[in-house]
Amino acid sequence: MSRPTPAAGTVLLIIGCGYLGLALATRARAAGLTLRLTTRSAARVATLNAAGLGEVAQLDLGAADAAARVTALARGVAHVVCLLPPSAGVDGANSCAPFAQLCAVLSTLPELGSAVMASSTAVYGDCAGAVVNAATPCTPDTPRAQRLCDLETHWRGRPENRIVRLAGLYGPGRVVGAAGLARGEPVSGDRDAWLNLIHRSDAAALLLRCLAPATAAVELGCDGAPVTRRDYYHYLAAQLGLLPPLFSGLPAARGSASRRCDRTLTTLRTGWWPQYRDFRAGLAAGPLPVPGPLG
């Protein structure tokens, strides 16, 4: 069932407007929404101001005045999309207190409608290649995945809040594994484990779609075409004009959990279809990164 995006003139606050946030802001602005954007980085403030997409503010959830700043920024806002990385929601004691405070502030805003948090399919853990979808329970098996689950729990304290668990994000200027291949580095992790991906443009479209009224608390964003790490890295190396990849057999720094993400349930509930049906179509849309010298 298709759902409309928010009406033109609606005020949308994007908290953590980075790589994905810029694509979302561009799409939302084109749909006629009024935007307020936040970032932790002073340099990013300048970049976003130059883009001219809306009001921009620097926001650090760990700052003493964070609650007051969020309250001011969210005044008159109809919807929120939170794109903060997990590290931005915790303090020096590895507590989720800064993020919990954000959620508490949002819960006090009478004019706020639906709000969407971008999470990760990492919360499903290693499923030994099994299929997962938006209804699959979380089984975190790393500290990062557990932190994401904890953040999700805080976010879901408000009934109108939604969560979109995104697969590996790629797009212009960001291609999974390209930098390591260009440097001639061996690929770590299980070569036969499954990769799940989503193009930045498709992720932005899904996030915007999920701001519309819905009953589902969780959706899953992926292209629906899992690929083994072996096939992915061989194809990417060929597209970049590089030698075939070597696999080190060592564990990946962030793990190489194997699961196959299925977007069917999310498509049925939201009417969202990815423009890029698999990573090959997404890479073909370009531009691909230019490999640097190996020496």
Protein backbone atom coordinates (compact mmCIF):
# COMPACT_ATOMS: atom_id res chain seq x y z
CA MET A 1 0.00 0.00 0.00
CA SER A 2 1.47 3.35 -1.04
CA ARG A 3 1.68 6.16 1.51
CA PRO A 4 2.09 9.86 0.74
CA THR A 5 5.06 11.87 1.91
CA PRO A 6 4.46 14.86 4.24
CA ALA A 7 2.62 17.82 2.72
CA ALA A 8 4.45 20.79 1.25
CA GLY A 9 5.20 23.44 3.85
CA THR A 10 5.61 20.87 6.64
CA VAL A 11 8.60 21.60 8.88
CA LEU A 12 11.09 18.72 9.07
CA LEU A 13 14.02 18.60 11.49
CA ILE A 14 16.93 16.38 10.43
CA ILE A 15 19.20 15.62 13.39
CA GLY A 16 22.66 14.57 12.20
CA CYS A 17 22.71 15.79 8.62
CA GLY A 18 25.71 14.00 7.13
CA TYR A 19 26.12 11.91 3.97
CA LEU A 20 22.62 10.43 4.04
CA GLY A 21 21.08 13.53 5.55
CA LEU A 22 22.14 15.69 2.62
CA ALA A 23 20.36 13.36 0.19
CA LEU A 24 17.28 13.32 2.41
CA ALA A 25 17.29 17.11 2.76
CA THR A 26 17.60 17.57 -1.00
CA ARG A 27 14.67 15.23 -1.63
CA ALA A 28 12.54 16.79 1.12
CA ARG A 29 13.23 20.31 -0.12
CA ALA A 30 12.20 19.27 -3.64
CA ALA A 31 8.92 17.99 -2.13
CA GLY A 32 8.27 21.43 -0.67
CA LEU A 33 9.14 20.76 2.97
CA THR A 34 10.71 23.44 5.18
CA LEU A 35 13.95 22.17 6.70
CA ARG A 36 15.97 22.57 9.86
CA LEU A 37 19.27 20.70 9.85
CA THR A 38 21.74 19.91 12.62
CA THR A 39 25.31 18.63 12.66
CA ARG A 40 28.04 18.27 15.28
CA SER A 41 30.70 19.60 12.91
CA ALA A 42 31.41 23.30 12.44
CA ALA A 43 32.84 22.55 8.99
CA ARG A 44 29.66 20.69 8.09
CA VAL A 45 27.60 23.71 9.14
CA ALA A 46 29.39 25.73 6.45
CA THR A 47 28.80 23.02 3.85
CA LEU A 48 25.10 22.79 4.64
CA ASN A 49 24.69 26.55 4.66
CA ALA A 50 26.29 26.67 1.22
CA ALA A 51 23.77 24.09 -0.02
CA GLY A 52 20.96 26.49 0.90
CA LEU A 53 18.52 23.77 1.90
CA GLY A 54 17.27 25.32 5.13
CA GLU A 55 18.17 26.58 8.59
CA VAL A 56 21.37 24.97 9.91
CA ALA A 57 22.52 24.64 13.53
CA GLN A 58 25.44 22.97 15.27
CA LEU A 59 24.24 20.46 17.87
CA ASP A 60 26.20 18.21 20.22
CA LEU A 61 23.99 15.96 22.34
CA GLY A 62 26.75 15.76 24.94
CA ALA A 63 26.77 19.51 25.55
CA ALA A 64 25.30 20.94 28.74
CA ASP A 65 22.73 22.97 26.82
CA ALA A 66 21.71 20.16 24.45
CA ALA A 67 18.18 19.79 25.83
CA ALA A 68 17.48 23.51 25.56
CA ARG A 69 18.87 23.64 22.03
CA VAL A 70 16.80 20.67 20.87
CA THR A 71 13.68 22.23 22.39
CA ALA A 72 14.31 25.48 20.53
CA LEU A 73 15.15 23.78 17.24
CA ALA A 74 12.08 21.55 17.40
CA ARG A 75 9.59 24.33 18.09
CA GLY A 76 6.89 24.17 15.40
CA VAL A 77 8.39 21.05 13.83
CA ALA A 78 5.95 18.46 12.45
CA HIS A 79 8.41 15.62 11.84
CA VAL A 80 11.93 14.56 12.85
CA VAL A 81 14.44 12.27 11.19
CA CYS A 82 17.37 11.23 13.39
CA LEU A 83 20.47 10.15 11.48
CA LEU A 84 23.02 10.28 14.28
CA PRO A 85 25.78 7.66 14.33
CA PRO A 86 25.69 5.46 17.46
CA SER A 87 28.71 7.24 18.94
CA ALA A 88 26.86 10.57 18.96
CA GLY A 89 24.24 9.26 21.38
CA VAL A 90 26.54 8.07 24.16
CA ASP A 91 28.73 9.78 26.72
CA GLY A 92 32.23 9.10 28.02
CA ALA A 93 30.92 6.38 30.32
CA ASN A 94 29.40 4.57 27.33
CA SER A 95 25.94 5.46 28.60
CA CYS A 96 23.03 6.28 26.28
CA ALA A 97 22.10 9.24 28.50
CA PRO A 98 22.58 11.92 25.78
CA PHE A 99 20.31 10.04 23.38
CA ALA A 100 17.78 9.29 26.12
CA GLN A 101 17.63 13.01 26.86
CA LEU A 102 16.96 13.74 23.18
CA CYS A 103 14.10 11.22 23.18
CA ALA A 104 12.68 12.73 26.37
CA VAL A 105 12.67 16.22 24.87
CA LEU A 106 10.94 15.04 21.69
CA SER A 107 8.28 13.33 23.81
CA THR A 108 7.29 16.70 25.32
CA LEU A 109 6.57 18.40 21.98
CA PRO A 110 2.79 18.55 21.43
CA GLU A 111 3.00 19.52 17.74
CA LEU A 112 5.40 16.73 16.76
CA GLY A 113 3.95 13.96 14.61
CA SER A 114 5.91 10.95 13.43
CA ALA A 115 9.66 10.79 13.89
CA VAL A 116 12.03 8.35 12.22
CA MET A 117 15.39 7.03 13.43
CA ALA A 118 17.84 5.42 11.03
CA SER A 119 19.33 2.29 12.59
CA SER A 120 21.24 -0.62 11.06
CA THR A 121 20.64 -4.21 10.04
CA ALA A 122 23.61 -4.98 12.32
CA VAL A 123 21.05 -5.41 15.11
CA TYR A 124 20.09 -8.79 13.61
CA GLY A 125 23.54 -10.22 14.35
CA ASP A 126 25.03 -13.21 12.53
CA CYS A 127 22.16 -15.30 11.19
CA ALA A 128 24.32 -17.87 9.36
CA GLY A 129 22.92 -16.73 6.02
CA ALA A 130 19.26 -16.88 7.06
CA VAL A 131 16.70 -14.41 5.73
CA VAL A 132 15.65 -11.49 7.94
CA ASN A 133 12.99 -8.83 7.45
CA ALA A 134 11.46 -5.91 9.33
CA ALA A 135 9.65 -8.28 11.71
CA THR A 136 12.74 -10.30 12.68
CA PRO A 137 13.74 -9.83 16.35
CA CYS A 138 17.08 -8.26 17.21
CA THR A 139 19.86 -10.65 18.22
CA PRO A 140 22.87 -8.35 18.71
CA ASP A 141 26.19 -10.16 18.90
CA THR A 142 28.67 -7.26 19.02
CA PRO A 143 28.99 -4.22 21.32
CA ARG A 144 28.07 -1.93 18.40
CA ALA A 145 24.93 -3.92 17.61
CA GLN A 146 23.94 -3.94 21.28
CA ARG A 147 24.39 -0.18 21.46
CA LEU A 148 22.13 0.23 18.43
CA CYS A 149 19.50 -1.94 20.10
CA ASP A 150 19.72 0.17 23.25
CA LEU A 151 19.27 3.37 21.22
CA GLU A 152 16.30 1.83 19.43
CA THR A 153 14.71 1.01 22.78
CA HIS A 154 14.95 4.64 23.90
CA TRP A 155 13.56 5.85 20.57
CA ARG A 156 10.57 3.54 20.72
CA GLY A 157 9.48 5.04 24.05
CA ARG A 158 7.27 7.43 22.06
CA PRO A 159 4.47 5.61 20.18
CA GLU A 160 4.67 7.84 17.09
CA ASN A 161 8.34 7.09 16.55
CA ARG A 162 9.51 4.78 13.77
CA ILE A 163 12.77 2.95 13.09
CA VAL A 164 14.26 2.18 9.69
CA ARG A 165 17.07 -0.38 9.81
CA LEU A 166 19.34 0.29 6.85
CA ALA A 167 21.69 -2.12 5.10
CA GLY A 168 25.17 -1.02 4.00
CA LEU A 169 24.94 2.48 2.56
CA TYR A 170 26.70 3.41 -0.67
CA GLY A 171 26.41 6.03 -3.38
CA PRO A 172 28.29 8.97 -4.90
CA GLY A 173 31.62 9.38 -3.13
CA ARG A 174 31.10 6.36 -0.88
CA VAL A 175 31.45 2.78 -2.12
CA VAL A 176 31.88 -0.04 0.39
CA GLY A 177 35.43 -1.45 0.21
CA ALA A 178 36.63 0.70 -2.69
CA ALA A 179 39.35 2.53 -0.77
CA GLY A 180 40.93 -0.68 0.52
CA LEU A 181 40.92 -2.27 -2.94
CA ALA A 182 42.55 0.83 -4.40
CA ARG A 183 45.34 0.55 -1.81
CA GLY A 184 45.86 -3.10 -2.64
CA GLU A 185 44.83 -4.28 0.81
CA PRO A 186 43.60 -7.85 1.33
CA VAL A 187 39.90 -8.08 2.13
CA SER A 188 39.19 -9.30 5.66
CA GLY A 189 36.17 -11.29 6.76
CA ASP A 190 34.39 -14.36 5.42
CA ARG A 191 34.39 -14.27 1.62
CA ASP A 192 31.20 -16.36 1.53
CA ALA A 193 29.24 -14.20 3.96
CA TRP A 194 26.36 -12.16 2.57
CA LEU A 195 26.45 -8.40 2.00
CA ASN A 196 23.26 -6.33 2.04
CA LEU A 197 23.32 -2.89 0.50
CA ILE A 198 21.15 0.15 -0.24
CA HIS A 199 21.86 3.18 -2.39
CA ARG A 200 21.84 6.53 -0.59
CA SER A 201 19.07 7.85 -2.83
CA ASP A 202 16.83 4.86 -2.06
CA ALA A 203 17.50 5.14 1.67
CA ALA A 204 16.50 8.81 1.61
CA ALA A 205 13.28 8.00 -0.26
CA LEU A 206 12.35 5.32 2.27
CA LEU A 207 13.00 7.57 5.26
CA LEU A 208 10.78 10.26 3.80
CA ARG A 209 8.06 7.72 3.03
CA CYS A 210 8.13 6.42 6.61
CA LEU A 211 7.21 9.84 8.01
CA ALA A 212 3.64 9.27 6.84
CA PRO A 213 1.20 7.74 9.35
CA ALA A 214 1.76 4.02 9.78
CA THR A 215 1.23 1.25 12.28
CA ALA A 216 4.58 -0.50 11.81
CA ALA A 217 7.23 0.62 14.29
CA VAL A 218 10.12 -0.90 12.31
CA GLU A 219 10.95 -1.08 8.61
CA LEU A 220 13.99 -2.50 6.80
CA GLY A 221 15.80 -0.66 4.02
CA CYS A 222 17.81 -2.72 1.54
CA ASP A 223 17.81 -3.34 -2.19
CA GLY A 224 16.63 -6.92 -1.63
CA ALA A 225 19.50 -8.43 -3.61
CA PRO A 226 22.06 -9.88 -1.16
CA VAL A 227 25.47 -10.67 -2.64
CA THR A 228 28.37 -12.68 -1.28
CA ARG A 229 31.44 -10.71 -0.30
CA ARG A 230 33.42 -12.75 -2.84
CA ASP A 231 31.16 -11.75 -5.74
CA TYR A 232 30.87 -8.15 -4.59
CA TYR A 233 34.60 -7.49 -4.27
CA HIS A 234 35.46 -9.25 -7.51
CA TYR A 235 32.87 -7.19 -9.39
CA LEU A 236 33.95 -3.94 -7.74
CA ALA A 237 37.63 -4.55 -8.51
CA ALA A 238 36.79 -5.18 -12.17
CA GLN A 239 34.72 -1.98 -12.35
CA LEU A 240 37.58 0.01 -10.85
CA GLY A 241 40.13 -1.53 -13.21
CA LEU A 242 42.02 -3.20 -10.37
CA LEU A 243 43.48 -6.66 -9.85
CA PRO A 244 41.13 -9.30 -8.40
CA PRO A 245 40.90 -9.03 -4.62
CA LEU A 246 42.79 -11.19 -2.17
CA PHE A 247 40.99 -12.38 0.96
CA SER A 248 43.11 -12.45 4.11
CA GLY A 249 40.95 -14.87 6.08
CA LEU A 250 41.27 -12.57 9.11
CA PRO A 251 38.16 -11.35 10.96
CA ALA A 252 36.76 -8.07 9.68
CA ALA A 253 37.15 -5.07 12.00
CA ARG A 254 33.37 -4.67 12.26
CA GLY A 255 32.59 -8.33 11.71
CA SER A 256 31.23 -10.06 8.63
CA ALA A 257 27.94 -11.36 9.95
CA SER A 258 26.02 -13.32 7.34
CA ARG A 259 22.32 -12.67 6.78
CA ARG A 260 20.10 -12.02 3.78
CA CYS A 261 17.87 -8.98 4.16
CA ASP A 262 14.41 -9.12 2.59
CA ARG A 263 12.58 -5.85 1.93
CA THR A 264 9.28 -7.48 0.82
CA LEU A 265 7.37 -6.71 4.03
CA THR A 266 8.52 -3.10 4.02
CA THR A 267 7.56 -2.69 0.36
CA LEU A 268 4.09 -4.11 1.03
CA ARG A 269 3.52 -1.79 3.98
CA THR A 270 4.98 1.41 2.54
CA GLY A 271 4.76 1.13 -1.24
CA TRP A 272 8.49 1.93 -1.43
CA TRP A 273 10.54 0.31 -4.19
CA PRO A 274 14.28 0.92 -4.60
CA GLN A 275 15.29 2.72 -7.76
CA TYR A 276 18.49 0.66 -7.82
CA ARG A 277 17.52 -3.03 -7.77
CA ASP A 278 21.02 -4.19 -6.82
CA PHE A 279 24.51 -2.84 -6.24
CA ARG A 280 25.44 -3.26 -9.90
CA ALA A 281 22.67 -0.87 -10.95
CA GLY A 282 23.67 1.55 -8.22
CA LEU A 283 27.34 1.52 -9.17
CA ALA A 284 26.42 1.99 -12.83
CA ALA A 285 24.68 5.24 -11.86
CA GLY A 286 28.13 6.47 -10.75
CA PRO A 287 30.31 8.19 -10.29
CA LEU A 288 32.74 5.51 -9.15
CA PRO A 289 35.72 6.61 -7.06
CA VAL A 290 38.97 7.02 -8.96
CA PRO A 291 41.57 4.54 -7.61
CA GLY A 292 44.71 6.11 -6.25
CA PRO A 293 48.27 4.89 -6.84
CA LEU A 294 49.22 1.62 -5.19
CA GLY A 295 52.80 2.55 -4.57
